[in-house]
C-alpha cells in the first residue's frame, strides 16, 4: 500500500498535520509544493481545489487542515494524539481546532497580507486595525493555557500541533520581521519552548526546511516526487 503523502507549503498551516504524522510514527512522505505545482494537472488530480494542506492516504484524499487532523485522530485513535470521542476533552479539541482555523489563522492573514482585503490606499489603516485584532486573539490564547502549558489535556494533542504551526507566525512569516513582541505573551513563549523540545516538532521543522540528515526516530519516507 502506498505511504500517506502530506502536501504542504513550507512554513504554512499544514505543519500541525506533519507533527501529527511524526507522532503516530508510521511511514509517510511529504510533497513540497510551489504555486506552479499547485496549479498543475498532476496536483489537481489529487486535490481539485489546488490547495494545501492535502493528505493522500491510499484512495482517500483529505483537504483542509482541520479535516486532515481529525482524519488522523480517527485513524490513529489508539496512538493517543486526541482524546476519545464523547469526552469533554474531545469537545474542547473541536472547539480549539475551529478557533484556530476561523479566528487565529485569518487574524495573521489580515496582518501579513492586507493588500488581499482592501485597496492600496487603505492598506496601512487596515493593517493597524488587523494588528489590534491579532493582539486580542493572541491574548486570548495566551490566557487559555492550562497548568501543563497546553490547551486541552496534560499532554500534546492535534490541537497543540496545529496551534504551534500557526502561533510561530508571531515570530515572522516566511522571513518577514516579527509582527508582535512574543515577550508580551509569556504563556505562548513558554509553549514554544515546550513544543520545541518535542522530537516530532524538531523532525517536522527539519523536513519542512529540507534538512533531513539528522532526523530523530522519524518514519519520514522521503519527499514525494512530482513529474
N, C-alpha and C. Protein backbone atom coordinates (compact mmCIF):
# COMPACT_ATOMS: atom_id res chain seq x y z
N UNK A 1 0.85 -1.19 0.00
CA UNK A 1 0.00 0.00 0.00
C UNK A 1 0.88 1.24 0.00
N UNK A 2 0.50 2.24 -0.80
CA UNK A 2 1.28 3.47 -0.85
C UNK A 2 1.29 4.15 0.52
N UNK A 3 2.41 4.78 0.80
CA UNK A 3 2.52 5.54 2.05
C UNK A 3 1.69 6.81 1.95
N UNK A 4 1.12 7.27 3.06
CA UNK A 4 0.43 8.56 3.04
C UNK A 4 1.38 9.67 2.61
N UNK A 5 0.83 10.64 1.87
CA UNK A 5 1.61 11.80 1.44
C UNK A 5 0.89 13.05 1.91
N UNK A 6 1.62 13.89 2.64
CA UNK A 6 1.08 15.18 3.07
C UNK A 6 1.68 16.26 2.19
N UNK A 7 0.83 16.99 1.49
CA UNK A 7 1.27 18.06 0.60
C UNK A 7 1.22 19.38 1.38
N UNK A 8 2.33 20.12 1.32
CA UNK A 8 2.46 21.31 2.16
C UNK A 8 3.09 22.47 1.39
N UNK A 9 2.98 23.65 1.97
CA UNK A 9 3.83 24.79 1.66
C UNK A 9 4.73 24.97 2.87
N UNK A 10 6.05 24.90 2.73
CA UNK A 10 6.91 25.09 3.90
C UNK A 10 6.60 26.40 4.63
N UNK A 11 6.48 26.32 5.94
CA UNK A 11 6.18 27.50 6.74
C UNK A 11 4.72 27.80 6.90
N UNK A 12 3.86 27.04 6.24
CA UNK A 12 2.44 27.35 6.24
C UNK A 12 1.68 26.47 7.24
N UNK A 13 0.36 26.40 7.06
CA UNK A 13 -0.51 25.93 8.13
C UNK A 13 -0.73 24.42 8.16
N UNK A 14 -0.10 23.65 7.27
CA UNK A 14 -0.21 22.20 7.34
C UNK A 14 0.79 21.60 8.32
N UNK A 15 1.55 22.46 9.00
CA UNK A 15 2.59 21.98 9.89
C UNK A 15 2.03 21.09 11.00
N UNK A 16 0.87 21.43 11.51
CA UNK A 16 0.28 20.62 12.57
C UNK A 16 0.01 19.20 12.13
N UNK A 17 -0.41 19.02 10.89
CA UNK A 17 -0.63 17.67 10.36
C UNK A 17 0.68 16.92 10.23
N UNK A 18 1.73 17.63 9.89
CA UNK A 18 3.04 16.99 9.77
C UNK A 18 3.55 16.53 11.13
N UNK A 19 3.40 17.36 12.15
CA UNK A 19 3.78 16.95 13.51
C UNK A 19 2.96 15.73 13.93
N UNK A 20 1.68 15.72 13.60
CA UNK A 20 0.82 14.60 13.96
C UNK A 20 1.29 13.32 13.29
N UNK A 21 1.68 13.39 12.03
CA UNK A 21 2.21 12.21 11.35
C UNK A 21 3.50 11.73 12.00
N UNK A 22 4.31 12.65 12.49
CA UNK A 22 5.50 12.25 13.24
C UNK A 22 5.10 11.52 14.53
N UNK A 23 4.10 12.01 15.21
CA UNK A 23 3.68 11.39 16.46
C UNK A 23 3.18 9.97 16.26
N UNK A 24 2.44 9.71 15.19
CA UNK A 24 1.89 8.36 15.02
C UNK A 24 2.96 7.35 14.64
N UNK A 25 4.13 7.84 14.19
CA UNK A 25 5.31 7.00 13.99
C UNK A 25 5.08 5.88 12.98
N UNK A 26 4.41 6.24 11.88
CA UNK A 26 4.27 5.32 10.75
C UNK A 26 4.75 6.04 9.50
N UNK A 27 5.23 5.26 8.54
CA UNK A 27 5.88 5.83 7.35
C UNK A 27 4.95 6.78 6.60
N UNK A 28 5.51 7.90 6.18
CA UNK A 28 4.77 8.87 5.37
C UNK A 28 5.76 9.66 4.53
N UNK A 29 5.23 10.32 3.51
CA UNK A 29 6.03 11.21 2.68
C UNK A 29 5.48 12.63 2.77
N UNK A 30 6.29 13.58 2.33
CA UNK A 30 5.88 14.98 2.24
C UNK A 30 6.06 15.45 0.81
N UNK A 31 5.04 16.13 0.30
CA UNK A 31 5.13 16.76 -1.01
C UNK A 31 5.26 18.26 -0.84
N UNK A 32 6.45 18.78 -1.13
CA UNK A 32 6.68 20.23 -1.06
C UNK A 32 6.12 20.86 -2.33
N UNK A 33 5.24 21.82 -2.19
CA UNK A 33 4.58 22.39 -3.36
C UNK A 33 4.98 23.85 -3.58
N UNK A 34 4.88 24.24 -4.83
CA UNK A 34 5.07 25.63 -5.26
C UNK A 34 3.77 26.07 -5.93
N UNK A 35 3.61 27.36 -6.22
CA UNK A 35 2.41 27.78 -6.95
C UNK A 35 2.24 27.04 -8.27
N UNK A 36 3.36 26.76 -8.95
CA UNK A 36 3.29 26.06 -10.24
C UNK A 36 2.81 24.63 -10.03
N UNK A 37 3.31 23.97 -9.01
CA UNK A 37 2.87 22.60 -8.73
C UNK A 37 1.39 22.58 -8.37
N UNK A 38 0.96 23.51 -7.53
CA UNK A 38 -0.44 23.51 -7.10
C UNK A 38 -1.40 23.82 -8.24
N UNK A 39 -0.91 24.48 -9.29
CA UNK A 39 -1.74 24.78 -10.46
C UNK A 39 -1.67 23.67 -11.50
N UNK A 40 -0.82 22.68 -11.28
CA UNK A 40 -0.58 21.64 -12.29
C UNK A 40 -1.72 20.63 -12.34
N UNK A 41 -1.85 19.99 -13.48
CA UNK A 41 -2.88 18.95 -13.62
C UNK A 41 -2.57 17.76 -12.72
N UNK A 42 -1.29 17.47 -12.48
CA UNK A 42 -0.94 16.36 -11.60
C UNK A 42 -1.45 16.60 -10.19
N UNK A 43 -1.24 17.81 -9.67
CA UNK A 43 -1.69 18.08 -8.31
C UNK A 43 -3.21 18.20 -8.26
N UNK A 44 -3.82 18.83 -9.25
CA UNK A 44 -5.28 18.99 -9.22
C UNK A 44 -6.00 17.66 -9.40
N UNK A 45 -5.30 16.66 -9.94
CA UNK A 45 -5.88 15.32 -9.98
C UNK A 45 -5.93 14.71 -8.58
N UNK A 46 -5.05 15.18 -7.71
CA UNK A 46 -5.05 14.74 -6.31
C UNK A 46 -6.03 15.57 -5.50
N UNK A 47 -5.91 16.89 -5.61
CA UNK A 47 -6.81 17.80 -4.88
C UNK A 47 -7.31 18.87 -5.84
N UNK A 48 -8.52 18.71 -6.36
CA UNK A 48 -9.02 19.63 -7.39
C UNK A 48 -9.05 21.10 -6.98
N UNK A 49 -9.07 21.38 -5.68
CA UNK A 49 -9.07 22.78 -5.25
C UNK A 49 -7.72 23.44 -5.47
N UNK A 50 -6.68 22.64 -5.68
CA UNK A 50 -5.34 23.20 -5.86
C UNK A 50 -4.76 23.79 -4.60
N UNK A 51 -5.26 23.36 -3.44
CA UNK A 51 -4.83 23.93 -2.16
C UNK A 51 -4.09 22.89 -1.32
N UNK A 52 -3.29 23.41 -0.40
CA UNK A 52 -2.69 22.60 0.65
C UNK A 52 -3.03 23.26 2.00
N UNK A 53 -3.00 22.43 3.07
CA UNK A 53 -2.65 21.04 3.15
C UNK A 53 -3.66 20.14 2.48
N UNK A 54 -3.07 19.04 2.02
CA UNK A 54 -3.85 17.95 1.46
C UNK A 54 -3.14 16.66 1.82
N UNK A 55 -3.90 15.66 2.19
CA UNK A 55 -3.35 14.37 2.56
C UNK A 55 -3.90 13.32 1.61
N UNK A 56 -2.99 12.58 0.96
CA UNK A 56 -3.38 11.42 0.14
C UNK A 56 -3.00 10.17 0.91
N UNK A 57 -4.00 9.40 1.27
CA UNK A 57 -3.79 8.19 2.06
C UNK A 57 -4.45 7.03 1.34
N UNK A 58 -3.69 6.35 0.49
CA UNK A 58 -4.29 5.34 -0.37
C UNK A 58 -5.26 5.98 -1.33
N UNK A 59 -6.50 5.51 -1.34
CA UNK A 59 -7.52 6.09 -2.21
C UNK A 59 -8.21 7.29 -1.57
N UNK A 60 -7.92 7.56 -0.33
CA UNK A 60 -8.54 8.68 0.37
C UNK A 60 -7.72 9.95 0.17
N UNK A 61 -8.39 11.03 -0.16
CA UNK A 61 -7.74 12.34 -0.23
C UNK A 61 -8.54 13.28 0.67
N UNK A 62 -7.84 13.92 1.59
CA UNK A 62 -8.48 14.83 2.53
C UNK A 62 -7.84 16.20 2.38
N UNK A 63 -8.64 17.21 2.13
CA UNK A 63 -8.17 18.58 2.08
C UNK A 63 -8.63 19.34 3.31
N UNK A 64 -8.00 20.49 3.54
CA UNK A 64 -8.27 21.38 4.67
C UNK A 64 -7.64 20.80 5.95
N UNK A 65 -6.86 21.64 6.62
CA UNK A 65 -6.05 21.16 7.73
C UNK A 65 -6.88 20.64 8.89
N UNK A 66 -7.98 21.31 9.21
CA UNK A 66 -8.83 20.83 10.29
C UNK A 66 -9.33 19.42 9.99
N UNK A 67 -9.75 19.18 8.75
CA UNK A 67 -10.25 17.86 8.37
C UNK A 67 -9.14 16.81 8.41
N UNK A 68 -7.94 17.19 7.96
CA UNK A 68 -6.81 16.26 7.99
C UNK A 68 -6.51 15.84 9.42
N UNK A 69 -6.46 16.80 10.32
CA UNK A 69 -6.16 16.49 11.72
C UNK A 69 -7.19 15.55 12.33
N UNK A 70 -8.45 15.79 12.06
CA UNK A 70 -9.49 14.92 12.61
C UNK A 70 -9.48 13.55 11.93
N UNK A 71 -9.16 13.50 10.65
CA UNK A 71 -9.00 12.21 9.95
C UNK A 71 -7.90 11.40 10.62
N UNK A 72 -6.77 12.03 10.89
CA UNK A 72 -5.66 11.32 11.54
C UNK A 72 -6.03 10.91 12.96
N UNK A 73 -6.76 11.77 13.66
CA UNK A 73 -7.18 11.43 15.02
C UNK A 73 -8.07 10.19 15.02
N UNK A 74 -8.96 10.08 14.04
CA UNK A 74 -9.84 8.91 13.96
C UNK A 74 -9.08 7.66 13.52
N UNK A 75 -8.21 7.82 12.53
CA UNK A 75 -7.47 6.65 12.02
C UNK A 75 -6.51 6.10 13.05
N UNK A 76 -5.89 6.99 13.81
CA UNK A 76 -4.87 6.58 14.77
C UNK A 76 -5.33 6.84 16.20
N UNK A 77 -6.59 6.51 16.48
CA UNK A 77 -7.14 6.82 17.80
C UNK A 77 -6.40 6.08 18.91
N UNK A 78 -5.75 4.96 18.57
CA UNK A 78 -5.01 4.19 19.57
C UNK A 78 -3.65 4.80 19.89
N UNK A 79 -3.27 5.86 19.16
CA UNK A 79 -1.95 6.46 19.35
C UNK A 79 -1.93 7.57 20.40
N UNK A 80 -3.09 7.94 20.91
CA UNK A 80 -3.13 8.93 21.98
C UNK A 80 -2.91 10.37 21.54
N UNK A 81 -3.18 10.66 20.26
CA UNK A 81 -2.96 12.02 19.76
C UNK A 81 -4.18 12.91 19.93
N UNK A 82 -5.28 12.32 20.42
CA UNK A 82 -6.52 13.08 20.58
C UNK A 82 -7.39 12.35 21.60
N UNK A 83 -8.08 13.07 22.47
CA UNK A 83 -8.96 12.41 23.44
C UNK A 83 -10.08 11.63 22.75
N UNK A 84 -10.64 10.64 23.42
CA UNK A 84 -11.69 9.81 22.82
C UNK A 84 -12.96 10.60 22.48
N UNK A 85 -13.65 10.12 21.46
CA UNK A 85 -14.94 10.69 21.08
C UNK A 85 -15.90 10.58 22.26
N UNK A 86 -16.69 11.63 22.46
CA UNK A 86 -17.70 11.62 23.51
C UNK A 86 -17.25 12.20 24.83
N UNK A 87 -15.96 12.54 24.93
CA UNK A 87 -15.46 13.13 26.17
C UNK A 87 -15.49 14.65 26.09
N UNK A 88 -15.44 15.28 27.26
CA UNK A 88 -15.39 16.74 27.29
C UNK A 88 -14.12 17.24 26.62
N UNK A 89 -13.03 16.49 26.82
CA UNK A 89 -11.76 16.90 26.22
C UNK A 89 -11.84 16.87 24.69
N UNK A 90 -12.56 15.87 24.15
CA UNK A 90 -12.72 15.81 22.69
C UNK A 90 -13.52 17.01 22.20
N UNK A 91 -14.53 17.41 22.95
CA UNK A 91 -15.29 18.60 22.58
C UNK A 91 -14.40 19.83 22.57
N UNK A 92 -13.47 19.90 23.51
CA UNK A 92 -12.52 21.02 23.53
C UNK A 92 -11.60 20.99 22.32
N UNK A 93 -11.27 19.79 21.85
CA UNK A 93 -10.48 19.68 20.61
C UNK A 93 -11.24 20.32 19.45
N UNK A 94 -12.52 19.98 19.31
CA UNK A 94 -13.32 20.58 18.23
C UNK A 94 -13.35 22.10 18.37
N UNK A 95 -13.56 22.56 19.59
CA UNK A 95 -13.64 24.00 19.83
C UNK A 95 -12.34 24.69 19.43
N UNK A 96 -11.21 24.14 19.89
CA UNK A 96 -9.93 24.79 19.61
C UNK A 96 -9.54 24.71 18.14
N UNK A 97 -9.79 23.57 17.51
CA UNK A 97 -9.46 23.49 16.08
C UNK A 97 -10.29 24.49 15.28
N UNK A 98 -11.54 24.66 15.66
CA UNK A 98 -12.38 25.64 14.97
C UNK A 98 -11.86 27.05 15.21
N UNK A 99 -11.47 27.34 16.44
CA UNK A 99 -10.96 28.68 16.75
C UNK A 99 -9.67 28.96 16.00
N UNK A 100 -8.77 28.00 15.97
CA UNK A 100 -7.51 28.19 15.26
C UNK A 100 -7.75 28.44 13.78
N UNK A 101 -8.71 27.71 13.21
CA UNK A 101 -8.98 27.82 11.77
C UNK A 101 -9.75 29.08 11.42
N UNK A 102 -10.74 29.43 12.23
CA UNK A 102 -11.65 30.52 11.85
C UNK A 102 -11.27 31.87 12.43
N UNK A 103 -10.42 31.88 13.46
CA UNK A 103 -10.10 33.13 14.14
C UNK A 103 -8.60 33.44 14.11
N UNK A 104 -7.77 32.52 14.60
CA UNK A 104 -6.33 32.80 14.65
C UNK A 104 -5.71 32.89 13.27
N UNK A 105 -5.97 31.92 12.43
CA UNK A 105 -5.38 31.91 11.08
C UNK A 105 -5.75 33.16 10.29
N UNK A 106 -7.03 33.53 10.20
CA UNK A 106 -7.37 34.76 9.47
C UNK A 106 -6.76 36.02 10.09
N UNK A 107 -6.62 36.04 11.41
CA UNK A 107 -6.04 37.22 12.06
C UNK A 107 -4.61 37.45 11.59
N UNK A 108 -3.84 36.37 11.47
CA UNK A 108 -2.49 36.51 10.92
C UNK A 108 -2.53 36.91 9.46
N UNK A 109 -3.44 36.31 8.70
CA UNK A 109 -3.52 36.62 7.27
C UNK A 109 -3.81 38.07 6.99
N UNK A 110 -4.67 38.67 7.79
CA UNK A 110 -5.02 40.08 7.57
C UNK A 110 -3.86 41.01 7.89
N UNK A 111 -3.01 40.62 8.85
CA UNK A 111 -1.83 41.43 9.17
C UNK A 111 -0.75 41.26 8.12
N UNK A 112 -0.52 40.02 7.71
CA UNK A 112 0.58 39.73 6.79
C UNK A 112 0.27 40.09 5.34
N UNK A 113 -1.00 40.03 4.97
CA UNK A 113 -1.37 40.25 3.57
C UNK A 113 -2.55 41.22 3.46
N UNK A 114 -2.44 42.43 3.98
CA UNK A 114 -3.58 43.36 3.97
C UNK A 114 -4.04 43.72 2.57
N UNK A 115 -3.12 43.67 1.60
CA UNK A 115 -3.49 44.01 0.24
C UNK A 115 -4.48 43.06 -0.40
N UNK A 116 -4.68 41.90 0.22
CA UNK A 116 -5.68 40.96 -0.29
C UNK A 116 -7.10 41.39 0.06
N UNK A 117 -7.23 42.32 1.00
CA UNK A 117 -8.54 42.62 1.55
C UNK A 117 -9.04 44.03 1.24
N UNK A 118 -8.11 44.96 0.98
CA UNK A 118 -8.51 46.35 0.77
C UNK A 118 -7.71 46.94 -0.38
N UNK A 119 -8.14 48.09 -0.84
CA UNK A 119 -7.42 48.80 -1.90
C UNK A 119 -6.11 49.37 -1.36
N UNK A 120 -5.13 49.66 -2.23
CA UNK A 120 -3.81 50.10 -1.77
C UNK A 120 -3.84 51.29 -0.82
N UNK A 121 -4.73 52.24 -1.06
CA UNK A 121 -4.75 53.43 -0.21
C UNK A 121 -5.26 53.13 1.20
N UNK A 122 -5.87 51.98 1.39
CA UNK A 122 -6.42 51.63 2.71
C UNK A 122 -5.56 50.62 3.47
N UNK A 123 -4.45 50.19 2.87
CA UNK A 123 -3.66 49.11 3.45
C UNK A 123 -3.14 49.45 4.84
N UNK A 124 -2.56 50.62 5.02
CA UNK A 124 -1.96 50.96 6.31
C UNK A 124 -2.99 50.99 7.43
N UNK A 125 -4.13 51.61 7.17
CA UNK A 125 -5.18 51.68 8.18
C UNK A 125 -5.72 50.30 8.51
N UNK A 126 -5.94 49.52 7.45
CA UNK A 126 -6.47 48.17 7.64
C UNK A 126 -5.49 47.32 8.45
N UNK A 127 -4.21 47.41 8.10
CA UNK A 127 -3.22 46.59 8.80
C UNK A 127 -3.14 46.95 10.28
N UNK A 128 -3.24 48.21 10.61
CA UNK A 128 -3.22 48.60 12.02
C UNK A 128 -4.42 48.04 12.76
N UNK A 129 -5.58 48.10 12.15
CA UNK A 129 -6.77 47.52 12.77
C UNK A 129 -6.62 46.00 12.91
N UNK A 130 -6.05 45.38 11.86
CA UNK A 130 -5.85 43.93 11.90
C UNK A 130 -4.86 43.54 12.98
N UNK A 131 -3.83 44.35 13.17
CA UNK A 131 -2.84 44.06 14.21
C UNK A 131 -3.48 44.13 15.59
N UNK A 132 -4.33 45.10 15.81
CA UNK A 132 -5.03 45.21 17.09
C UNK A 132 -5.90 43.98 17.34
N UNK A 133 -6.54 43.51 16.28
CA UNK A 133 -7.36 42.31 16.39
C UNK A 133 -6.48 41.09 16.69
N UNK A 134 -5.36 40.97 16.00
CA UNK A 134 -4.45 39.85 16.24
C UNK A 134 -3.97 39.84 17.68
N UNK A 135 -3.61 40.99 18.21
CA UNK A 135 -3.14 41.07 19.59
C UNK A 135 -4.22 40.60 20.55
N UNK A 136 -5.47 40.96 20.29
CA UNK A 136 -6.57 40.50 21.14
C UNK A 136 -6.71 38.98 21.08
N UNK A 137 -6.57 38.42 19.88
CA UNK A 137 -6.66 36.97 19.72
C UNK A 137 -5.50 36.28 20.44
N UNK A 138 -4.30 36.81 20.28
CA UNK A 138 -3.14 36.22 20.94
C UNK A 138 -3.27 36.31 22.46
N UNK A 139 -3.83 37.39 22.95
CA UNK A 139 -4.06 37.49 24.40
C UNK A 139 -5.02 36.41 24.88
N UNK A 140 -6.05 36.15 24.10
CA UNK A 140 -7.00 35.09 24.47
C UNK A 140 -6.29 33.74 24.53
N UNK A 141 -5.51 33.43 23.51
CA UNK A 141 -4.78 32.16 23.50
C UNK A 141 -3.79 32.12 24.67
N UNK A 142 -3.07 33.20 24.85
CA UNK A 142 -2.06 33.27 25.92
C UNK A 142 -2.67 32.97 27.29
N UNK A 143 -3.90 33.41 27.50
CA UNK A 143 -4.56 33.24 28.80
C UNK A 143 -5.31 31.93 28.92
N UNK A 144 -5.23 31.08 27.88
CA UNK A 144 -6.02 29.85 27.86
C UNK A 144 -5.21 28.60 28.17
N UNK A 145 -3.91 28.72 28.31
CA UNK A 145 -3.10 27.53 28.60
C UNK A 145 -3.37 27.03 30.01
N UNK A 146 -3.38 25.70 30.15
CA UNK A 146 -3.64 25.10 31.46
C UNK A 146 -2.34 24.99 32.27
N UNK A 147 -2.42 24.33 33.41
CA UNK A 147 -1.25 24.25 34.30
C UNK A 147 -0.11 23.43 33.70
N UNK A 148 -0.40 22.69 32.64
CA UNK A 148 0.63 21.91 31.94
C UNK A 148 1.23 22.69 30.77
N UNK A 149 0.77 23.91 30.58
CA UNK A 149 1.26 24.71 29.47
C UNK A 149 0.66 24.33 28.14
N UNK A 150 -0.50 23.63 28.18
CA UNK A 150 -1.16 23.14 26.97
C UNK A 150 -2.60 23.67 26.93
N UNK A 151 -3.31 23.30 25.86
CA UNK A 151 -4.65 23.86 25.66
C UNK A 151 -5.79 22.88 25.97
N UNK A 152 -5.50 21.57 25.97
CA UNK A 152 -6.59 20.61 26.10
C UNK A 152 -6.41 19.68 27.31
N UNK A 153 -5.35 18.89 27.33
CA UNK A 153 -5.16 17.92 28.42
C UNK A 153 -3.77 18.12 29.03
N UNK A 154 -3.21 17.03 29.55
CA UNK A 154 -1.89 17.12 30.18
C UNK A 154 -0.77 16.68 29.26
N UNK A 155 -1.09 16.40 27.99
CA UNK A 155 -0.06 16.08 27.01
C UNK A 155 -0.49 16.63 25.66
N UNK A 156 0.46 16.88 24.77
CA UNK A 156 0.11 17.50 23.48
C UNK A 156 -0.84 16.64 22.65
N UNK A 157 -1.75 17.31 21.98
CA UNK A 157 -2.71 16.67 21.07
C UNK A 157 -2.61 17.34 19.71
N UNK A 158 -3.50 16.95 18.81
CA UNK A 158 -3.54 17.58 17.50
C UNK A 158 -3.79 19.09 17.61
N UNK A 159 -4.43 19.52 18.68
CA UNK A 159 -4.65 20.96 18.88
C UNK A 159 -3.33 21.68 19.07
N UNK A 160 -2.48 21.15 19.94
CA UNK A 160 -1.19 21.80 20.18
C UNK A 160 -0.31 21.77 18.94
N UNK A 161 -0.39 20.68 18.18
CA UNK A 161 0.39 20.61 16.94
C UNK A 161 -0.01 21.74 16.00
N UNK A 162 -1.32 21.93 15.83
CA UNK A 162 -1.79 22.97 14.93
C UNK A 162 -1.55 24.36 15.51
N UNK A 163 -1.73 24.50 16.81
CA UNK A 163 -1.50 25.80 17.44
C UNK A 163 -0.05 26.24 17.26
N UNK A 164 0.88 25.33 17.44
CA UNK A 164 2.28 25.69 17.25
C UNK A 164 2.53 26.13 15.81
N UNK A 165 1.97 25.39 14.86
CA UNK A 165 2.19 25.72 13.45
C UNK A 165 1.70 27.10 13.08
N UNK A 166 0.65 27.58 13.73
CA UNK A 166 0.13 28.91 13.45
C UNK A 166 0.77 29.98 14.31
N UNK A 167 0.92 29.70 15.59
CA UNK A 167 1.45 30.71 16.50
C UNK A 167 2.89 31.10 16.17
N UNK A 168 3.64 30.21 15.55
CA UNK A 168 5.02 30.55 15.20
C UNK A 168 5.09 31.74 14.25
N UNK A 169 3.98 32.05 13.56
CA UNK A 169 3.97 33.22 12.68
C UNK A 169 4.14 34.51 13.47
N UNK A 170 3.95 34.46 14.79
CA UNK A 170 4.20 35.64 15.62
C UNK A 170 5.64 36.11 15.47
N UNK A 171 6.54 35.17 15.20
CA UNK A 171 7.96 35.48 15.08
C UNK A 171 8.37 35.86 13.67
N UNK A 172 7.37 36.04 12.79
CA UNK A 172 7.66 36.42 11.41
C UNK A 172 7.22 35.33 10.46
N UNK A 173 6.64 35.72 9.35
CA UNK A 173 6.12 34.78 8.36
C UNK A 173 7.03 34.78 7.15
N UNK A 174 7.61 33.60 6.86
CA UNK A 174 8.47 33.45 5.68
C UNK A 174 9.60 34.48 5.64
N UNK A 175 10.27 34.64 6.78
CA UNK A 175 11.42 35.53 6.82
C UNK A 175 11.12 36.98 7.07
N UNK A 176 9.84 37.33 7.18
CA UNK A 176 9.48 38.71 7.49
C UNK A 176 9.72 39.01 8.97
N UNK A 177 9.83 40.28 9.34
CA UNK A 177 10.04 40.63 10.75
C UNK A 177 8.86 40.17 11.61
N UNK A 178 9.10 39.97 12.90
CA UNK A 178 8.00 39.61 13.82
C UNK A 178 6.90 40.66 13.78
N UNK A 179 5.66 40.20 13.89
CA UNK A 179 4.53 41.14 13.87
C UNK A 179 4.16 41.60 15.28
N UNK A 180 4.61 40.85 16.29
CA UNK A 180 4.39 41.24 17.68
C UNK A 180 5.65 40.90 18.47
N UNK A 181 5.73 41.40 19.68
CA UNK A 181 6.82 41.04 20.59
C UNK A 181 6.35 39.85 21.41
N UNK A 182 6.96 38.69 21.16
CA UNK A 182 6.49 37.47 21.82
C UNK A 182 6.64 37.56 23.34
N UNK A 183 7.50 38.44 23.83
CA UNK A 183 7.63 38.60 25.28
C UNK A 183 6.37 39.17 25.92
N UNK A 184 5.50 39.75 25.10
CA UNK A 184 4.22 40.25 25.61
C UNK A 184 3.23 39.11 25.86
N UNK A 185 3.60 37.90 25.43
CA UNK A 185 2.72 36.74 25.55
C UNK A 185 3.51 35.60 26.19
N UNK A 186 3.76 35.69 27.49
CA UNK A 186 4.69 34.75 28.13
C UNK A 186 4.25 33.29 28.08
N UNK A 187 2.95 33.04 28.11
CA UNK A 187 2.50 31.65 28.05
C UNK A 187 2.68 31.07 26.65
N UNK A 188 2.50 31.89 25.64
CA UNK A 188 2.78 31.42 24.27
C UNK A 188 4.28 31.17 24.11
N UNK A 189 5.09 32.06 24.65
CA UNK A 189 6.55 31.87 24.58
C UNK A 189 6.95 30.57 25.27
N UNK A 190 6.38 30.30 26.43
CA UNK A 190 6.66 29.05 27.15
C UNK A 190 6.18 27.84 26.35
N UNK A 191 5.05 28.00 25.67
CA UNK A 191 4.52 26.93 24.83
C UNK A 191 5.49 26.61 23.69
N UNK A 192 6.04 27.64 23.06
CA UNK A 192 7.05 27.41 22.03
C UNK A 192 8.21 26.58 22.59
N UNK A 193 8.70 26.98 23.74
CA UNK A 193 9.84 26.29 24.34
C UNK A 193 9.50 24.83 24.65
N UNK A 194 8.29 24.59 25.13
CA UNK A 194 7.84 23.23 25.42
C UNK A 194 7.76 22.39 24.16
N UNK A 195 7.10 22.91 23.14
CA UNK A 195 6.90 22.15 21.91
C UNK A 195 8.22 21.91 21.17
N UNK A 196 9.12 22.85 21.24
CA UNK A 196 10.38 22.73 20.51
C UNK A 196 11.34 21.73 21.14
N UNK A 197 10.97 21.19 22.31
CA UNK A 197 11.71 20.08 22.90
C UNK A 197 11.22 18.73 22.36
N UNK A 198 10.07 18.73 21.72
CA UNK A 198 9.45 17.51 21.20
C UNK A 198 10.17 17.07 19.93
N UNK A 199 10.62 15.83 19.89
CA UNK A 199 11.38 15.37 18.71
C UNK A 199 10.53 15.39 17.45
N UNK A 200 9.21 15.21 17.58
CA UNK A 200 8.34 15.26 16.40
C UNK A 200 8.34 16.66 15.80
N UNK A 201 8.30 17.67 16.64
CA UNK A 201 8.34 19.05 16.17
C UNK A 201 9.70 19.34 15.54
N UNK A 202 10.77 18.90 16.19
CA UNK A 202 12.10 19.09 15.63
C UNK A 202 12.22 18.43 14.26
N UNK A 203 11.72 17.20 14.15
CA UNK A 203 11.78 16.49 12.87
C UNK A 203 10.96 17.21 11.80
N UNK A 204 9.76 17.64 12.17
CA UNK A 204 8.90 18.31 11.19
C UNK A 204 9.52 19.61 10.70
N UNK A 205 10.13 20.36 11.59
CA UNK A 205 10.81 21.60 11.19
C UNK A 205 11.95 21.29 10.23
N UNK A 206 12.71 20.24 10.52
CA UNK A 206 13.83 19.88 9.66
C UNK A 206 13.36 19.42 8.29
N UNK A 207 12.31 18.61 8.25
CA UNK A 207 11.78 18.11 6.98
C UNK A 207 11.23 19.26 6.15
N UNK A 208 10.52 20.16 6.79
CA UNK A 208 9.97 21.33 6.12
C UNK A 208 11.07 22.15 5.47
N UNK A 209 12.23 22.23 6.14
CA UNK A 209 13.35 23.03 5.65
C UNK A 209 14.29 22.26 4.73
N UNK A 210 14.03 20.96 4.54
CA UNK A 210 14.88 20.16 3.67
C UNK A 210 16.14 19.66 4.34
N UNK A 211 16.20 19.73 5.68
CA UNK A 211 17.39 19.29 6.42
C UNK A 211 17.11 17.94 7.07
N UNK A 212 17.24 16.87 6.32
CA UNK A 212 16.77 15.56 6.78
C UNK A 212 17.88 14.60 7.18
N UNK A 213 19.10 15.07 7.29
CA UNK A 213 20.22 14.17 7.56
C UNK A 213 20.26 13.68 9.00
N UNK A 214 19.67 14.43 9.92
CA UNK A 214 19.80 14.09 11.34
C UNK A 214 18.44 13.98 12.03
N UNK A 215 17.48 13.35 11.36
CA UNK A 215 16.18 13.16 11.97
C UNK A 215 16.29 12.16 13.12
N UNK A 216 15.43 12.34 14.12
CA UNK A 216 15.48 11.54 15.34
C UNK A 216 14.27 10.62 15.42
N UNK A 217 14.49 9.33 15.15
CA UNK A 217 13.42 8.33 15.29
C UNK A 217 12.19 8.72 14.48
N UNK A 218 12.41 9.10 13.23
CA UNK A 218 11.33 9.52 12.35
C UNK A 218 11.04 8.44 11.32
N UNK A 219 9.76 8.29 10.97
CA UNK A 219 9.36 7.38 9.90
C UNK A 219 9.20 8.10 8.57
N UNK A 220 9.73 9.31 8.48
CA UNK A 220 9.70 10.04 7.22
C UNK A 220 10.33 9.20 6.12
N UNK A 221 9.58 9.02 5.02
CA UNK A 221 10.00 8.11 3.95
C UNK A 221 10.40 8.85 2.68
N UNK A 222 10.72 10.12 2.79
CA UNK A 222 11.20 10.87 1.64
C UNK A 222 10.17 11.84 1.09
N UNK A 223 10.64 12.65 0.18
CA UNK A 223 9.78 13.65 -0.46
C UNK A 223 9.08 13.04 -1.67
N UNK A 224 7.81 13.37 -1.80
CA UNK A 224 7.05 12.95 -2.98
C UNK A 224 7.61 13.66 -4.20
N UNK A 225 7.83 12.91 -5.26
CA UNK A 225 8.41 13.48 -6.48
C UNK A 225 7.32 13.76 -7.49
N UNK A 226 7.18 15.01 -7.87
CA UNK A 226 6.23 15.40 -8.90
C UNK A 226 6.87 15.18 -10.27
N UNK A 227 6.05 14.86 -11.25
CA UNK A 227 6.56 14.65 -12.61
C UNK A 227 7.02 15.97 -13.23
